[in-house]
Amino acid sequence: MRHLTSTNDRGITTLTLNNPENRNALSADLVADLAGALRRASVDQDVRAIVLTHEGPTFSAGADLKSPANPYAFVDLLRALVELPKPVLARVDGSTRAGGLGLLGACDLVLASTASTFAFTEVRIGVAPAIISLTLLPRMDARAASRYYLTGERFDAAEAARIGLITEATDDLEAAVAAACEAFRKAAPQGLAEAKRLVNARVLEAFERDAEDLVQKSASLFASAPAREGMTAFFERRDAAWVL
């Protein structure tokens, strides 16, 4: 079964994460499929912009703990989203957790319904939001990042917009997405590419400076005894040993 679908309408390619039974977790296959779709879109002159969206109530639950992507492949995917010479708009209508937030950070615009929720849940299984910090920390309010990285608590779309995680929380998601797509259709491809290069310069600096260290940090954390306990507790639907 394909876990990524693609459609095109007047220059807007919509890529849909389509594995709702697994909460669109970022498996090795899904990361590879999404990377391939971005490569094709980058050279397709008929594609003006990309909408990244989802089937089911979850945009993405983060890393697939049973079939995880190689961390370097995930870094490459995030960088491909940032470097793509065409705008990428994330359409979110539901929950996004952990590594899924890294995808949002890599997108140029993120429009979410007011019912959407977000959480950095990594600390609750004994790891940290390492790799996704490449796309998130350059964009988010520093105090908010500290709070939500450390607490793992859930927050709503209005708060996500306030702290810079998303662009807008809206009561009419379809209208907001349609309006953005119409704006992209009116823009020159060269103008879009160069404008995107300007606004993403700080994010790309983070990749150059920190990517290797964060990959190593992520690998070390996931291989640790606390992470094994955290993931076991998650699958067994029980509290981890450190919960007081």
Protein backbone atom coordinates (compact mmCIF):
# COMPACT_ATOMS: atom_id res chain seq x y z
CA MET A 1 0.00 0.00 0.00
CA ARG A 2 1.25 3.46 -0.89
CA HIS A 3 1.61 5.67 2.15
CA LEU A 4 2.12 8.86 0.14
CA THR A 5 -0.26 10.05 -2.55
CA SER A 6 0.18 12.92 -5.00
CA THR A 7 -2.27 15.04 -6.99
CA ASN A 8 -1.85 18.22 -9.05
CA ASP A 9 -4.24 21.10 -9.62
CA ARG A 10 -3.19 24.15 -11.64
CA GLY A 11 0.43 24.03 -10.58
CA ILE A 12 -0.15 23.02 -6.96
CA THR A 13 1.03 19.51 -6.11
CA THR A 14 -0.60 18.06 -3.01
CA LEU A 15 1.40 15.37 -1.22
CA THR A 16 -0.72 13.46 1.29
CA LEU A 17 0.70 11.37 4.13
CA ASN A 18 -1.60 8.38 3.83
CA ASN A 19 -0.95 5.89 6.60
CA PRO A 20 -3.56 6.88 9.19
CA GLU A 21 -3.52 3.44 10.82
CA ASN A 22 0.07 4.20 11.88
CA ARG A 23 -0.71 7.87 12.61
CA ASN A 24 1.45 8.78 9.60
CA ALA A 25 4.56 7.92 11.59
CA LEU A 26 7.83 8.68 9.83
CA SER A 27 8.91 5.21 8.75
CA ALA A 28 11.90 4.54 6.53
CA ASP A 29 9.54 3.95 3.59
CA LEU A 30 7.52 7.11 4.11
CA VAL A 31 10.63 9.28 4.45
CA ALA A 32 12.06 7.77 1.25
CA ASP A 33 8.79 8.23 -0.65
CA LEU A 34 8.44 11.85 0.43
CA ALA A 35 12.06 12.61 -0.47
CA GLY A 36 11.52 11.11 -3.92
CA ALA A 37 8.36 13.14 -4.47
CA LEU A 38 10.20 16.34 -3.57
CA ARG A 39 13.03 15.53 -5.99
CA ARG A 40 10.52 15.10 -8.80
CA ALA A 41 8.66 18.28 -7.91
CA SER A 42 11.86 20.32 -7.77
CA VAL A 43 12.55 19.79 -11.47
CA ASP A 44 8.95 19.75 -12.73
CA GLN A 45 8.28 23.09 -14.42
CA ASP A 46 4.54 22.53 -14.02
CA VAL A 47 4.79 22.57 -10.23
CA ARG A 48 4.57 26.06 -8.71
CA ALA A 49 4.17 25.02 -5.06
CA ILE A 50 3.52 22.03 -2.81
CA VAL A 51 0.85 21.41 -0.19
CA LEU A 52 1.84 18.77 2.37
CA THR A 53 -1.15 17.31 4.16
CA HIS A 54 -2.49 14.10 5.73
CA GLU A 55 -5.22 11.50 5.86
CA GLY A 56 -6.73 10.75 9.23
CA PRO A 57 -6.74 12.74 12.47
CA THR A 58 -2.93 12.91 12.79
CA PHE A 59 -0.60 14.88 10.54
CA SER A 60 2.32 12.83 11.86
CA ALA A 61 3.02 11.18 15.21
CA GLY A 62 6.79 11.47 14.66
CA ALA A 63 9.33 8.71 14.28
CA ASP A 64 8.06 5.22 13.58
CA LEU A 65 9.55 3.42 16.58
CA LYS A 66 9.08 0.00 14.91
CA SER A 67 10.50 0.93 11.50
CA PRO A 68 12.49 4.14 11.95
CA ALA A 69 14.07 6.08 9.15
CA ASN A 70 17.85 6.40 9.06
CA PRO A 71 18.64 9.67 10.85
CA TYR A 72 20.73 10.92 7.93
CA ALA A 73 17.81 10.23 5.59
CA PHE A 74 15.54 12.25 7.85
CA VAL A 75 18.03 15.15 7.91
CA ASP A 76 18.20 15.00 4.12
CA LEU A 77 14.40 15.10 3.91
CA LEU A 78 14.16 18.15 6.15
CA ARG A 79 16.88 19.90 4.19
CA ALA A 80 15.16 19.04 0.90
CA LEU A 81 11.99 20.76 2.13
CA VAL A 82 13.95 23.85 3.16
CA GLU A 83 16.04 24.02 -0.03
CA LEU A 84 13.29 23.17 -2.52
CA PRO A 85 13.08 26.18 -4.88
CA LYS A 86 9.30 26.19 -4.52
CA PRO A 87 7.17 27.05 -1.50
CA VAL A 88 5.87 24.21 0.65
CA LEU A 89 2.69 24.75 2.64
CA ALA A 90 1.71 22.34 5.40
CA ARG A 91 -2.02 21.84 5.89
CA VAL A 92 -2.72 20.48 9.37
CA ASP A 93 -6.12 19.38 10.64
CA GLY A 94 -5.43 17.27 13.72
CA SER A 95 -2.56 16.32 15.98
CA THR A 96 1.18 16.60 15.32
CA ARG A 97 3.74 15.15 17.66
CA ALA A 98 7.53 14.90 18.07
CA GLY A 99 9.32 14.37 14.74
CA GLY A 100 6.23 15.43 12.81
CA LEU A 101 6.87 18.92 14.14
CA GLY A 102 10.20 18.87 12.35
CA LEU A 103 8.33 18.57 9.06
CA LEU A 104 6.27 21.62 9.97
CA GLY A 105 9.43 23.56 10.78
CA ALA A 106 10.83 22.71 7.35
CA CYS A 107 7.76 24.03 5.54
CA ASP A 108 7.47 27.66 4.47
CA LEU A 109 3.90 28.15 5.60
CA VAL A 110 1.93 26.06 8.09
CA LEU A 111 -1.83 26.54 8.22
CA ALA A 112 -3.69 24.62 10.91
CA SER A 113 -7.29 24.30 11.97
CA THR A 114 -8.07 25.72 15.39
CA ALA A 115 -8.82 22.17 16.57
CA SER A 116 -5.23 21.03 15.88
CA THR A 117 -2.86 20.16 18.72
CA PHE A 118 0.89 19.85 19.07
CA ALA A 119 3.41 18.36 21.52
CA PHE A 120 7.12 17.61 21.82
CA THR A 121 6.70 14.20 23.45
CA GLU A 122 10.32 13.04 23.16
CA VAL A 123 11.22 13.70 26.81
CA ARG A 124 8.53 11.26 27.91
CA ILE A 125 10.30 8.33 26.26
CA GLY A 126 13.79 9.34 27.37
CA VAL A 127 15.07 11.17 24.29
CA ALA A 128 15.08 14.79 23.09
CA PRO A 129 13.98 16.78 19.99
CA ALA A 130 17.47 16.67 18.51
CA ILE A 131 17.31 16.49 14.71
CA ILE A 132 14.09 18.49 14.43
CA SER A 133 15.77 21.37 16.23
CA LEU A 134 17.47 22.13 12.90
CA THR A 135 14.19 23.44 11.48
CA LEU A 136 12.44 24.51 14.67
CA LEU A 137 14.83 26.49 16.86
CA PRO A 138 15.58 29.13 14.17
CA ARG A 139 11.83 29.80 13.89
CA MET A 140 10.37 29.39 17.38
CA ASP A 141 10.28 31.72 20.36
CA ALA A 142 13.17 30.63 22.58
CA ARG A 143 11.23 30.68 25.86
CA ALA A 144 8.40 28.68 24.33
CA ALA A 145 10.84 26.12 22.92
CA SER A 146 12.32 25.71 26.39
CA ARG A 147 8.90 25.18 27.94
CA TYR A 148 7.50 22.72 25.44
CA TYR A 149 10.73 20.78 24.86
CA LEU A 150 11.04 20.22 28.62
CA THR A 151 7.43 19.54 29.61
CA GLY A 152 6.16 17.55 26.63
CA GLU A 153 2.77 19.13 27.28
CA ARG A 154 0.13 19.51 24.59
CA PHE A 155 -0.74 22.96 23.22
CA ASP A 156 -3.28 24.27 20.75
CA ALA A 157 -3.04 25.92 17.35
CA ALA A 158 -3.40 29.46 18.67
CA GLU A 159 -0.38 28.91 20.92
CA ALA A 160 1.51 27.25 18.06
CA ALA A 161 0.98 30.38 15.97
CA ARG A 162 1.98 32.68 18.83
CA ILE A 163 5.33 30.92 19.33
CA GLY A 164 6.21 30.68 15.63
CA LEU A 165 5.70 26.94 15.18
CA ILE A 166 2.94 27.51 12.63
CA THR A 167 1.94 30.45 10.46
CA GLU A 168 -1.77 30.68 11.26
CA ALA A 169 -4.55 28.99 13.20
CA THR A 170 -7.77 29.28 11.25
CA ASP A 171 -11.45 28.41 11.57
CA ASP A 172 -11.66 27.92 7.79
CA LEU A 173 -8.67 25.82 6.83
CA GLU A 174 -9.74 25.11 3.27
CA ALA A 175 -10.26 28.79 2.48
CA ALA A 176 -6.89 29.72 3.99
CA VAL A 177 -5.08 27.04 1.99
CA ALA A 178 -6.89 28.03 -1.22
CA ALA A 179 -5.96 31.69 -0.74
CA ALA A 180 -2.29 30.86 -0.25
CA CYS A 181 -2.29 28.63 -3.33
CA GLU A 182 -3.81 31.40 -5.42
CA ALA A 183 -1.05 33.73 -4.23
CA PHE A 184 1.58 31.18 -5.29
CA ARG A 185 -0.02 30.88 -8.74
CA LYS A 186 0.34 34.65 -9.24
CA ALA A 187 4.03 34.67 -8.26
CA ALA A 188 6.94 34.21 -10.67
CA PRO A 189 8.90 30.98 -10.12
CA GLN A 190 12.17 32.89 -9.91
CA GLY A 191 10.69 35.30 -7.38
CA LEU A 192 9.45 32.45 -5.21
CA ALA A 193 12.79 30.65 -5.33
CA GLU A 194 14.84 33.69 -4.41
CA ALA A 195 12.45 34.89 -1.72
CA LYS A 196 12.50 31.43 -0.15
CA ARG A 197 16.29 31.43 -0.24
CA LEU A 198 16.35 34.69 1.73
CA VAL A 199 13.91 33.70 4.46
CA ASN A 200 15.46 30.24 4.96
CA ALA A 201 19.09 31.34 5.19
CA ARG A 202 19.22 31.01 9.01
CA VAL A 203 17.67 27.56 8.88
CA LEU A 204 20.26 26.36 6.39
CA GLU A 205 23.02 27.79 8.57
CA ALA A 206 21.78 25.48 11.33
CA PHE A 207 22.10 22.48 9.01
CA GLU A 208 25.66 23.40 8.10
CA ARG A 209 26.68 24.01 11.70
CA ASP A 210 24.75 21.43 13.72
CA ALA A 211 23.39 18.55 11.59
CA GLU A 212 26.17 16.03 12.23
CA ASP A 213 26.27 16.67 15.98
CA LEU A 214 22.49 16.34 16.26
CA VAL A 215 22.43 13.10 14.27
CA GLN A 216 25.02 11.67 16.63
CA LYS A 217 23.12 12.95 19.67
CA SER A 218 19.87 11.43 18.40
CA ALA A 219 21.48 8.05 17.70
CA SER A 220 23.08 7.99 21.13
CA LEU A 221 19.83 8.82 22.89
CA PHE A 222 17.75 6.26 21.02
CA ALA A 223 20.33 3.56 21.79
CA SER A 224 20.35 4.33 25.52
CA ALA A 225 18.84 2.31 28.34
CA PRO A 226 16.37 5.07 29.31
CA ALA A 227 15.09 5.23 25.73
CA ARG A 228 14.61 1.45 25.63
CA GLU A 229 12.58 1.69 28.83
CA GLY A 230 10.60 4.63 27.49
CA MET A 231 9.75 2.94 24.21
CA THR A 232 8.88 -0.35 25.96
CA ALA A 233 6.57 1.51 28.31
CA PHE A 234 4.98 3.27 25.33
CA PHE A 235 4.25 0.01 23.54
CA GLU A 236 3.05 -1.65 26.73
CA ARG A 237 0.83 1.35 27.52
CA ARG A 238 2.24 1.82 31.01
CA ASP A 239 4.16 4.48 32.88
CA ALA A 240 7.92 4.45 32.38
CA ALA A 241 10.05 3.55 35.40
CA TRP A 242 10.92 7.20 36.14
CA VAL A 243 7.32 8.45 36.42
CA LEU A 244 6.65 9.65 39.97
